[in-house]
Structure formats: C-alpha cells, structure tokens
Amino acid sequence: MNMQNLMAQAQRMQREITAKKEELEKMEFVGKSEWVEITFNGGRTIQDVKILKEGIIEEDDKEILEDMIQIATKDAFIQINKAMSEKMGQYAGALDGLM
C-alpha cells in the first residue's frame, strides 16, 4: 500500500470516528438505582438528576442516598461505555489512549 492510500484511509477513518463520537454525544443514557435516576449525554455530561424516593429524606438516609447516586452514575457510565464499544469497536486498536 502506498503512502497516499494509507493517508486517505487514515483520514477516512478519522472522519468516521468523529461522526460516531458526535452520534454518541447526542444520545442519552439513564443510570438508575432504587432512589435515584441520572441522565447523561454520551459526552458524560449530567443532563438531569431525579430523586425517586418519595417523602423527605432524613439525615440517617444521607449515606444511603449518596450510595444510590453513585450506583446510578456507574450504571449510566457502563451504558455509555457499552454503546461506545459497539459503535467504535472496529476502531479500537487505532484509538488506544485517544478516548
């Protein structure tokens, strides 16, 4: 393969990667726990946080609520990473350290 073909292939791959990343950034991912729902976009920016537990949360419940928020956040990131792997999987070797 000559250098021009290699450069053209690299540029095409870069355009495809950019398009897939933009597509992912427009998607929404909802992480849920028993008490909390957190919505992120594919760029890992929080879009919305909802406390699902009804009534006033007492001080004793503060640690539990914090744990639930962590669980919901982790759930959303797992979904984002899975979608990214599915959409970007064919480029995985070329992306080491870039994402």
PDB file of N, CA and C in Angstrom:
ATOM      1  N   MET A   1       0.857  -1.181   0.000  1.00  0.00           N
ATOM      2  CA  MET A   1       0.000   0.000   0.000  1.00  0.00           C
ATOM      3  C   MET A   1       0.899   1.238   0.000  1.00  0.00           C
ATOM      4  N   ASN A   2       0.621   2.175  -0.891  1.00  0.00           N
ATOM      5  CA  ASN A   2       1.468   3.360  -0.937  1.00  0.00           C
ATOM      6  C   ASN A   2       1.027   4.386   0.106  1.00  0.00           C
ATOM      7  N   MET A   3       1.855   5.389   0.284  1.00  0.00           N
ATOM      8  CA  MET A   3       1.632   6.390   1.335  1.00  0.00           C
ATOM      9  C   MET A   3       0.339   7.179   1.110  1.00  0.00           C
ATOM     10  N   GLN A   4       0.000   7.499  -0.125  1.00  0.00           N
ATOM     11  CA  GLN A   4      -1.231   8.262  -0.391  1.00  0.00           C
ATOM     12  C   GLN A   4      -2.458   7.459   0.008  1.00  0.00           C
ATOM     13  N   ASN A   5      -2.453   6.180  -0.335  1.00  0.00           N
ATOM     14  CA  ASN A   5      -3.592   5.334   0.052  1.00  0.00           C
ATOM     15  C   ASN A   5      -3.698   5.209   1.566  1.00  0.00           C
ATOM     16  N   LEU A   6      -2.566   5.087   2.208  1.00  0.00           N
ATOM     17  CA  LEU A   6      -2.545   4.984   3.670  1.00  0.00           C
ATOM     18  C   LEU A   6      -3.074   6.266   4.317  1.00  0.00           C
ATOM     19  N   MET A   7      -2.656   7.413   3.805  1.00  0.00           N
ATOM     20  CA  MET A   7      -3.138   8.702   4.335  1.00  0.00           C
ATOM     21  C   MET A   7      -4.639   8.869   4.081  1.00  0.00           C
ATOM     22  N   ALA A   8      -5.105   8.498   2.910  1.00  0.00           N
ATOM     23  CA  ALA A   8      -6.532   8.597   2.591  1.00  0.00           C
ATOM     24  C   ALA A   8      -7.341   7.696   3.518  1.00  0.00           C
ATOM     25  N   GLN A   9      -6.832   6.497   3.769  1.00  0.00           N
ATOM     26  CA  GLN A   9      -7.517   5.571   4.669  1.00  0.00           C
ATOM     27  C   GLN A   9      -7.561   6.139   6.089  1.00  0.00           C
ATOM     28  N   ALA A  10      -6.460   6.726   6.538  1.00  0.00           N
ATOM     29  CA  ALA A  10      -6.416   7.322   7.883  1.00  0.00           C
ATOM     30  C   ALA A  10      -7.390   8.487   7.994  1.00  0.00           C
ATOM     31  N   GLN A  11      -7.473   9.323   6.982  1.00  0.00           N
ATOM     32  CA  GLN A  11      -8.401  10.455   7.008  1.00  0.00           C
ATOM     33  C   GLN A  11      -9.841   9.980   7.004  1.00  0.00           C
ATOM     34  N   ARG A  12     -10.127   8.950   6.210  1.00  0.00           N
ATOM     35  CA  ARG A  12     -11.480   8.387   6.164  1.00  0.00           C
ATOM     36  C   ARG A  12     -11.853   7.815   7.537  1.00  0.00           C
ATOM     37  N   MET A  13     -10.917   7.112   8.159  1.00  0.00           N
ATOM     38  CA  MET A  13     -11.164   6.545   9.479  1.00  0.00           C
ATOM     39  C   MET A  13     -11.391   7.660  10.498  1.00  0.00           C
ATOM     40  N   GLN A  14     -10.616   8.741  10.405  1.00  0.00           N
ATOM     41  CA  GLN A  14     -10.784   9.848  11.340  1.00  0.00           C
ATOM     42  C   GLN A  14     -12.162  10.492  11.176  1.00  0.00           C
ATOM     43  N   ARG A  15     -12.632  10.654   9.936  1.00  0.00           N
ATOM     44  CA  ARG A  15     -13.972  11.220   9.707  1.00  0.00           C
ATOM     45  C   ARG A  15     -15.047  10.301  10.284  1.00  0.00           C
ATOM     46  N   GLU A  16     -14.875   8.988  10.092  1.00  0.00           N
ATOM     47  CA  GLU A  16     -15.851   8.029  10.619  1.00  0.00           C
ATOM     48  C   GLU A  16     -15.870   8.052  12.149  1.00  0.00           C
ATOM     49  N   ILE A  17     -14.704   8.121  12.755  1.00  0.00           N
ATOM     50  CA  ILE A  17     -14.613   8.184  14.218  1.00  0.00           C
ATOM     51  C   ILE A  17     -15.290   9.444  14.733  1.00  0.00           C
ATOM     52  N   THR A  18     -15.013  10.570  14.091  1.00  0.00           N
ATOM     53  CA  THR A  18     -15.619  11.843  14.504  1.00  0.00           C
ATOM     54  C   THR A  18     -17.137  11.772  14.387  1.00  0.00           C
ATOM     55  N   ALA A  19     -17.643  11.211  13.302  1.00  0.00           N
ATOM     56  CA  ALA A  19     -19.095  11.091  13.110  1.00  0.00           C
ATOM     57  C   ALA A  19     -19.710  10.198  14.182  1.00  0.00           C
ATOM     58  N   LYS A  20     -19.057   9.089  14.494  1.00  0.00           N
ATOM     59  CA  LYS A  20     -19.583   8.181  15.525  1.00  0.00           C
ATOM     60  C   LYS A  20     -19.565   8.837  16.904  1.00  0.00           C
ATOM     61  N   LYS A  21     -18.490   9.581  17.210  1.00  0.00           N
ATOM     62  CA  LYS A  21     -18.425  10.279  18.503  1.00  0.00           C
ATOM     63  C   LYS A  21     -19.539  11.315  18.607  1.00  0.00           C
ATOM     64  N   GLU A  22     -19.784  12.060  17.522  1.00  0.00           N
ATOM     65  CA  GLU A  22     -20.857  13.061  17.533  1.00  0.00           C
ATOM     66  C   GLU A  22     -22.210  12.390  17.724  1.00  0.00           C
ATOM     67  N   GLU A  23     -22.400  11.243  17.095  1.00  0.00           N
ATOM     68  CA  GLU A  23     -23.636  10.488  17.252  1.00  0.00           C
ATOM     69  C   GLU A  23     -23.813  10.048  18.706  1.00  0.00           C
ATOM     70  N   LEU A  24     -22.745   9.541  19.311  1.00  0.00           N
ATOM     71  CA  LEU A  24     -22.799   9.120  20.712  1.00  0.00           C
ATOM     72  C   LEU A  24     -23.086  10.289  21.644  1.00  0.00           C
ATOM     73  N   GLU A  25     -22.478  11.440  21.379  1.00  0.00           N
ATOM     74  CA  GLU A  25     -22.666  12.597  22.253  1.00  0.00           C
ATOM     75  C   GLU A  25     -24.101  13.089  22.249  1.00  0.00           C
ATOM     76  N   LYS A  26     -24.855  12.810  21.187  1.00  0.00           N
ATOM     77  CA  LYS A  26     -26.254  13.219  21.108  1.00  0.00           C
ATOM     78  C   LYS A  26     -27.182  12.242  21.823  1.00  0.00           C
ATOM     79  N   MET A  27     -26.688  11.049  22.110  1.00  0.00           N
ATOM     80  CA  MET A  27     -27.508  10.032  22.770  1.00  0.00           C
ATOM     81  C   MET A  27     -27.630  10.335  24.267  1.00  0.00           C
ATOM     82  N   GLU A  28     -28.704   9.839  24.871  1.00  0.00           N
ATOM     83  CA  GLU A  28     -28.892   9.975  26.313  1.00  0.00           C
ATOM     84  C   GLU A  28     -28.818   8.599  26.961  1.00  0.00           C
ATOM     85  N   PHE A  29     -28.228   8.561  28.152  1.00  0.00           N
ATOM     86  CA  PHE A  29     -28.084   7.340  28.919  1.00  0.00           C
ATOM     87  C   PHE A  29     -28.614   7.610  30.314  1.00  0.00           C
ATOM     88  N   VAL A  30     -29.514   6.756  30.781  1.00  0.00           N
ATOM     89  CA  VAL A  30     -30.135   6.944  32.086  1.00  0.00           C
ATOM     90  C   VAL A  30     -29.619   5.872  33.037  1.00  0.00           C
ATOM     91  N   GLY A  31     -28.930   6.322  34.079  1.00  0.00           N
ATOM     92  CA  GLY A  31     -28.465   5.428  35.134  1.00  0.00           C
ATOM     93  C   GLY A  31     -29.488   5.426  36.253  1.00  0.00           C
ATOM     94  N   LYS A  32     -29.820   4.241  36.736  1.00  0.00           N
ATOM     95  CA  LYS A  32     -30.867   4.140  37.758  1.00  0.00           C
ATOM     96  C   LYS A  32     -30.399   3.318  38.941  1.00  0.00           C
ATOM     97  N   SER A  33     -30.848   3.750  40.098  1.00  0.00           N
ATOM     98  CA  SER A  33     -30.760   2.949  41.311  1.00  0.00           C
ATOM     99  C   SER A  33     -32.153   2.959  41.912  1.00  0.00           C
ATOM    100  N   GLU A  34     -32.296   2.403  43.077  1.00  0.00           N
ATOM    101  CA  GLU A  34     -33.620   2.337  43.700  1.00  0.00           C
ATOM    102  C   GLU A  34     -34.186   3.738  43.982  1.00  0.00           C
ATOM    103  N   TRP A  35     -33.321   4.695  44.312  1.00  0.00           N
ATOM    104  CA  TRP A  35     -33.778   6.029  44.721  1.00  0.00           C
ATOM    105  C   TRP A  35     -33.459   7.139  43.729  1.00  0.00           C
ATOM    106  N   VAL A  36     -32.561   6.899  42.822  1.00  0.00           N
ATOM    107  CA  VAL A  36     -32.023   7.988  42.002  1.00  0.00           C
ATOM    108  C   VAL A  36     -32.025   7.602  40.527  1.00  0.00           C
ATOM    109  N   GLU A  37     -32.268   8.606  39.677  1.00  0.00           N
ATOM    110  CA  GLU A  37     -32.143   8.446  38.235  1.00  0.00           C
ATOM    111  C   GLU A  37     -31.308   9.614  37.725  1.00  0.00           C
ATOM    112  N   ILE A  38     -30.229   9.315  37.014  1.00  0.00           N
ATOM    113  CA  ILE A  38     -29.347  10.355  36.487  1.00  0.00           C
ATOM    114  C   ILE A  38     -29.238  10.168  34.984  1.00  0.00           C
ATOM    115  N   THR A  39     -29.472  11.248  34.247  1.00  0.00           N
ATOM    116  CA  THR A  39     -29.379  11.199  32.793  1.00  0.00           C
ATOM    117  C   THR A  39     -28.109  11.915  32.346  1.00  0.00           C
ATOM    118  N   PHE A  40     -27.323  11.237  31.528  1.00  0.00           N
ATOM    119  CA  PHE A  40     -26.094  11.780  30.953  1.00  0.00           C
ATOM    120  C   PHE A  40     -26.240  11.809  29.441  1.00  0.00           C
ATOM    121  N   ASN A  41     -25.464  12.657  28.788  1.00  0.00           N
ATOM    122  CA  ASN A  41     -25.326  12.516  27.349  1.00  0.00           C
ATOM    123  C   ASN A  41     -24.099  11.651  27.094  1.00  0.00           C
ATOM    124  N   GLY A  42     -23.859  11.311  25.849  1.00  0.00           N
ATOM    125  CA  GLY A  42     -22.738  10.447  25.505  1.00  0.00           C
ATOM    126  C   GLY A  42     -21.383  11.069  25.771  1.00  0.00           C
ATOM    127  N   GLY A  43     -21.364  12.381  25.993  1.00  0.00           N
ATOM    128  CA  GLY A  43     -20.125  13.065  26.363  1.00  0.00           C
ATOM    129  C   GLY A  43     -19.883  13.026  27.857  1.00  0.00           C
ATOM    130  N   ARG A  44     -20.686  12.253  28.552  1.00  0.00           N
ATOM    131  CA  ARG A  44     -20.578  12.064  30.001  1.00  0.00           C
ATOM    132  C   ARG A  44     -20.881  13.339  30.801  1.00  0.00           C
ATOM    133  N   THR A  45     -21.791  14.144  30.274  1.00  0.00           N
ATOM    134  CA  THR A  45     -22.248  15.337  30.977  1.00  0.00           C
ATOM    135  C   THR A  45     -23.622  15.044  31.570  1.00  0.00           C
ATOM    136  N   ILE A  46     -23.798  15.352  32.853  1.00  0.00           N
ATOM    137  CA  ILE A  46     -25.091  15.119  33.500  1.00  0.00           C
ATOM    138  C   ILE A  46     -26.126  16.057  32.897  1.00  0.00           C
ATOM    139  N   GLN A  47     -27.232  15.476  32.453  1.00  0.00           N
ATOM    140  CA  GLN A  47     -28.331  16.254  31.883  1.00  0.00           C
ATOM    141  C   GLN A  47     -29.462  16.453  32.888  1.00  0.00           C
ATOM    142  N   ASP A  48     -29.647  15.462  33.780  1.00  0.00           N
ATOM    143  CA  ASP A  48     -30.769  15.532  34.723  1.00  0.00           C
ATOM    144  C   ASP A  48     -30.512  14.580  35.882  1.00  0.00           C
ATOM    145  N   VAL A  49     -30.959  14.974  37.072  1.00  0.00           N
ATOM    146  CA  VAL A  49     -30.889  14.125  38.264  1.00  0.00           C
ATOM    147  C   VAL A  49     -32.274  14.138  38.899  1.00  0.00           C
ATOM    148  N   LYS A  50     -32.786  12.956  39.199  1.00  0.00           N
ATOM    149  CA  LYS A  50     -34.091  12.852  39.855  1.00  0.00           C
ATOM    150  C   LYS A  50     -33.954  11.967  41.077  1.00  0.00           C
ATOM    151  N   ILE A  51     -34.509  12.433  42.195  1.00  0.00           N
ATOM    152  CA  ILE A  51     -34.609  11.623  43.399  1.00  0.00           C
ATOM    153  C   ILE A  51     -35.956  10.915  43.314  1.00  0.00           C
ATOM    154  N   LEU A  52     -35.949   9.597  43.268  1.00  0.00           N
ATOM    155  CA  LEU A  52     -37.174   8.829  43.063  1.00  0.00           C
ATOM    156  C   LEU A  52     -37.882   8.477  44.358  1.00  0.00           C
ATOM    157  N   LYS A  53     -37.178   8.536  45.477  1.00  0.00           N
ATOM    158  CA  LYS A  53     -37.769   8.198  46.771  1.00  0.00           C
ATOM    159  C   LYS A  53     -38.727   9.310  47.181  1.00  0.00           C
ATOM    160  N   GLU A  54     -39.939   8.928  47.486  1.00  0.00           N
ATOM    161  CA  GLU A  54     -40.936   9.925  47.864  1.00  0.00           C
ATOM    162  C   GLU A  54     -40.792  10.302  49.335  1.00  0.00           C
ATOM    163  N   GLY A  55     -41.193  11.512  49.651  1.00  0.00           N
ATOM    164  CA  GLY A  55     -41.136  11.991  51.026  1.00  0.00           C
ATOM    165  C   GLY A  55     -39.803  12.664  51.327  1.00  0.00           C
ATOM    166  N   ILE A  56     -39.683  13.158  52.520  1.00  0.00           N
ATOM    167  CA  ILE A  56     -38.469  13.855  52.944  1.00  0.00           C
ATOM    168  C   ILE A  56     -37.420  12.834  53.350  1.00  0.00           C
ATOM    169  N   ILE A  57     -36.229  13.049  52.895  1.00  0.00           N
ATOM    170  CA  ILE A  57     -35.132  12.143  53.249  1.00  0.00           C
ATOM    171  C   ILE A  57     -34.510  12.640  54.538  1.00  0.00           C
ATOM    172  N   GLU A  58     -34.463  11.768  55.511  1.00  0.00           N
ATOM    173  CA  GLU A  58     -33.917  12.135  56.814  1.00  0.00           C
ATOM    174  C   GLU A  58     -32.397  12.061  56.786  1.00  0.00           C
ATOM    175  N   GLU A  59     -31.797  12.675  57.784  1.00  0.00           N
ATOM    176  CA  GLU A  59     -30.330  12.715  57.859  1.00  0.00           C
ATOM    177  C   GLU A  59     -29.722  11.314  57.846  1.00  0.00           C
ATOM    178  N   ASP A  60     -30.390  10.370  58.497  1.00  0.00           N
ATOM    179  CA  ASP A  60     -29.883   8.992  58.525  1.00  0.00           C
ATOM    180  C   ASP A  60     -29.817   8.375  57.131  1.00  0.00           C
ATOM    181  N   ASP A  61     -30.643   8.879  56.224  1.00  0.00           N
ATOM    182  CA  ASP A  61     -30.681   8.339  54.867  1.00  0.00           C
ATOM    183  C   ASP A  61     -29.644   8.974  53.936  1.00  0.00           C
ATOM    184  N   LYS A  62     -28.922   9.976  54.432  1.00  0.00           N
ATOM    185  CA  LYS A  62     -27.972  10.710  53.591  1.00  0.00           C
ATOM    186  C   LYS A  62     -26.928   9.776  52.970  1.00  0.00           C
ATOM    187  N   GLU A  63     -26.319   8.911  53.761  1.00  0.00           N
ATOM    188  CA  GLU A  63     -25.295   7.998  53.232  1.00  0.00           C
ATOM    189  C   GLU A  63     -25.886   7.043  52.205  1.00  0.00           C
ATOM    190  N   ILE A  64     -27.079   6.558  52.482  1.00  0.00           N
ATOM    191  CA  ILE A  64     -27.732   5.653  51.538  1.00  0.00           C
ATOM    192  C   ILE A  64     -27.997   6.367  50.225  1.00  0.00           C
ATOM    193  N   LEU A  65     -28.493   7.603  50.290  1.00  0.00           N
ATOM    194  CA  LEU A  65     -28.764   8.380  49.083  1.00  0.00           C
ATOM    195  C   LEU A  65     -27.472   8.608  48.288  1.00  0.00           C
ATOM    196  N   GLU A  66     -26.396   8.924  48.977  1.00  0.00           N
ATOM    197  CA  GLU A  66     -25.115   9.117  48.295  1.00  0.00           C
ATOM    198  C   GLU A  66     -24.691   7.833  47.580  1.00  0.00           C
ATOM    199  N   ASP A  67     -24.874   6.693  48.238  1.00  0.00           N
ATOM    200  CA  ASP A  67     -24.551   5.417  47.606  1.00  0.00           C
ATOM    201  C   ASP A  67     -25.427   5.167  46.382  1.00  0.00           C
ATOM    202  N   MET A  68     -26.695   5.490  46.494  1.00  0.00           N
ATOM    203  CA  MET A  68     -27.615   5.297  45.375  1.00  0.00           C
ATOM    204  C   MET A  68     -27.230   6.181  44.181  1.00  0.00           C
ATOM    205  N   ILE A  69     -26.799   7.391  44.451  1.00  0.00           N
ATOM    206  CA  ILE A  69     -26.346   8.279  43.376  1.00  0.00           C
ATOM    207  C   ILE A  69     -25.116   7.680  42.692  1.00  0.00           C
ATOM    208  N   GLN A  70     -24.199   7.143  43.473  1.00  0.00           N
ATOM    209  CA  GLN A  70     -23.017   6.503  42.892  1.00  0.00           C
ATOM    210  C   GLN A  70     -23.412   5.305  42.032  1.00  0.00           C
ATOM    211  N   ILE A  71     -24.344   4.506  42.498  1.00  0.00           N
ATOM    212  CA  ILE A  71     -24.793   3.337  41.749  1.00  0.00           C
ATOM    213  C   ILE A  71     -25.417   3.767  40.417  1.00  0.00           C
ATOM    214  N   ALA A  72     -26.269   4.795  40.461  1.00  0.00           N
ATOM    215  CA  ALA A  72     -26.920   5.274  39.240  1.00  0.00           C
ATOM    216  C   ALA A  72     -25.908   5.855  38.261  1.00  0.00           C
ATOM    217  N   THR A  73     -24.927   6.587  38.783  1.00  0.00           N
ATOM    218  CA  THR A  73     -23.889   7.170  37.932  1.00  0.00           C
ATOM    219  C   THR A  73     -23.072   6.065  37.268  1.00  0.00           C
ATOM    220  N   LYS A  74     -22.697   5.079  38.037  1.00  0.00           N
ATOM    221  CA  LYS A  74     -21.917   3.959  37.498  1.00  0.00           C
ATOM    222  C   LYS A  74     -22.724   3.225  36.428  1.00  0.00           C
ATOM    223  N   ASP A  75     -24.014   3.034  36.659  1.00  0.00           N
ATOM    224  CA  ASP A  75     -24.890   2.366  35.698  1.00  0.00           C
ATOM    225  C   ASP A  75     -24.906   3.127  34.366  1.00  0.00           C
ATOM    226  N   ALA A  76     -25.021   4.447  34.434  1.00  0.00           N
ATOM    227  CA  ALA A  76     -25.037   5.249  33.206  1.00  0.00           C
ATOM    228  C   ALA A  76     -23.707   5.142  32.466  1.00  0.00           C
ATOM    229  N   PHE A  77     -22.584   5.206  33.185  1.00  0.00           N
ATOM    230  CA  PHE A  77     -21.274   5.106  32.533  1.00  0.00           C
ATOM    231  C   PHE A  77     -21.063   3.735  31.895  1.00  0.00           C
ATOM    232  N   ILE A  78     -21.574   2.691  32.520  1.00  0.00           N
ATOM    233  CA  ILE A  78     -21.484   1.358  31.930  1.00  0.00           C
ATOM    234  C   ILE A  78     -22.225   1.337  30.593  1.00  0.00           C
ATOM    235  N   GLN A  79     -23.402   1.956  30.558  1.00  0.00           N
ATOM    236  CA  GLN A  79     -24.173   2.015  29.315  1.00  0.00           C
ATOM    237  C   GLN A  79     -23.437   2.818  28.240  1.00  0.00           C
ATOM    238  N   ILE A  80     -22.857   3.952  28.636  1.00  0.00           N
ATOM    239  CA  ILE A  80     -22.110   4.780  27.684  1.00  0.00           C
ATOM    240  C   ILE A  80     -20.931   4.004  27.122  1.00  0.00           C
ATOM    241  N   ASN A  81     -20.176   3.342  27.998  1.00  0.00           N
ATOM    242  CA  ASN A  81     -19.011   2.580  27.550  1.00  0.00           C
ATOM    243  C   ASN A  81     -19.411   1.436  26.629  1.00  0.00           C
ATOM    244  N   LYS A  82     -20.526   0.778  26.930  1.00  0.00           N
ATOM    245  CA  LYS A  82     -21.000  -0.315  26.077  1.00  0.00           C
ATOM    246  C   LYS A  82     -21.369   0.213  24.695  1.00  0.00           C
ATOM    247  N   ALA A  83     -22.111   1.319  24.644  1.00  0.00           N
ATOM    248  CA  ALA A  83     -22.502   1.900  23.359  1.00  0.00           C
ATOM    249  C   ALA A  83     -21.275   2.355  22.576  1.00  0.00           C
ATOM    250  N   MET A  84     -20.308   2.926  23.285  1.00  0.00           N
ATOM    251  CA  MET A  84     -19.095   3.372  22.625  1.00  0.00           C
ATOM    252  C   MET A  84     -18.345   2.179  22.034  1.00  0.00           C
ATOM    253  N   SER A  85     -18.262   1.091  22.788  1.00  0.00           N
ATOM    254  CA  SER A  85     -17.587  -0.115  22.295  1.00  0.00           C
ATOM    255  C   SER A  85     -18.298  -0.671  21.067  1.00  0.00           C
ATOM    256  N   GLU A  86     -19.638  -0.670  21.108  1.00  0.00           N
ATOM    257  CA  GLU A  86     -20.405  -1.189  19.977  1.00  0.00           C
ATOM    258  C   GLU A  86     -20.214  -0.332  18.729  1.00  0.00           C
ATOM    259  N   LYS A  87     -20.227   0.982  18.900  1.00  0.00           N
ATOM    260  CA  LYS A  87     -20.126   1.882  17.752  1.00  0.00           C
ATOM    261  C   LYS A  87     -18.693   2.075  17.272  1.00  0.00           C
ATOM    262  N   MET A  88     -17.747   2.000  18.198  1.00  0.00           N
ATOM    263  CA  MET A  88     -16.363   2.305  17.853  1.00  0.00           C
ATOM    264  C   MET A  88     -15.478   1.064  17.845  1.00  0.00           C
ATOM    265  N   GLY A  89     -16.051  -0.110  18.073  1.00  0.00           N
ATOM    266  CA  GLY A  89     -15.286  -1.338  18.210  1.00  0.00           C
ATOM    267  C   GLY A  89     -14.322  -1.604  17.073  1.00  0.00           C
ATOM    268  N   GLN A  90     -14.750  -1.313  15.846  1.00  0.00           N
ATOM    269  CA  GLN A  90     -13.881  -1.595  14.705  1.00  0.00           C
ATOM    270  C   GLN A  90     -12.637  -0.717  14.698  1.00  0.00           C
ATOM    271  N   TYR A  91     -12.651   0.363  15.482  1.00  0.00           N
ATOM    272  CA  TYR A  91     -11.505   1.268  15.530  1.00  0.00           C
ATOM    273  C   TYR A  91     -10.688   1.110  16.810  1.00  0.00           C
ATOM    274  N   ALA A  92     -11.053   0.145  17.634  1.00  0.00           N
ATOM    275  CA  ALA A  92     -10.469   0.012  18.970  1.00  0.00           C
ATOM    276  C   ALA A  92      -8.945   0.013  18.948  1.00  0.00           C
ATOM    277  N   GLY A  93      -8.330  -0.723  18.065  1.00  0.00           N
ATOM    278  CA  GLY A  93      -6.874  -0.767  18.027  1.00  0.00           C
ATOM    279  C   GLY A  93      -6.251   0.568  17.679  1.00  0.00           C
ATOM    280  N   ALA A  94      -6.928   1.331  16.832  1.00  0.00           N
ATOM    281  CA  ALA A  94      -6.409   2.625  16.400  1.00  0.00           C
ATOM    282  C   ALA A  94      -6.637   3.719  17.425  1.00  0.00           C
ATOM    283  N   LEU A  95      -7.497   3.461  18.416  1.00  0.00           N
ATOM    284  CA  LEU A  95      -7.890   4.508  19.363  1.00  0.00           C
ATOM    285  C   LEU A  95      -7.165   4.441  20.695  1.00  0.00           C
ATOM    286  N   ASP A  96      -6.252   3.513  20.868  1.00  0.00           N
ATOM    287  CA  ASP A  96      -5.587   3.369  22.151  1.00  0.00           C
ATOM    288  C   ASP A  96      -5.150   4.707  22.699  1.00  0.00           C
ATOM    289  N   GLY A  97      -5.706   5.068  23.869  1.00  0.00           N
ATOM    290  CA  GLY A  97      -5.319   6.296  24.541  1.00  0.00           C
ATOM    291  C   GLY A  97      -5.986   7.559  24.015  1.00  0.00           C
ATOM    292  N   LEU A  98      -6.762   7.480  22.946  1.00  0.00           N
ATOM    293  CA  LEU A  98      -7.374   8.686  22.396  1.00  0.00           C
ATOM    294  C   LEU A  98      -8.728   9.006  23.004  1.00  0.00           C
ATOM    295  N   MET A  99      -9.399   8.011  23.585  1.00  0.00           N
ATOM    296  CA  MET A  99     -10.749   8.252  24.101  1.00  0.00           C
ATOM    297  C   MET A  99     -10.786   8.073  25.588  1.00  0.00           C
TER     298      MET A  99
END
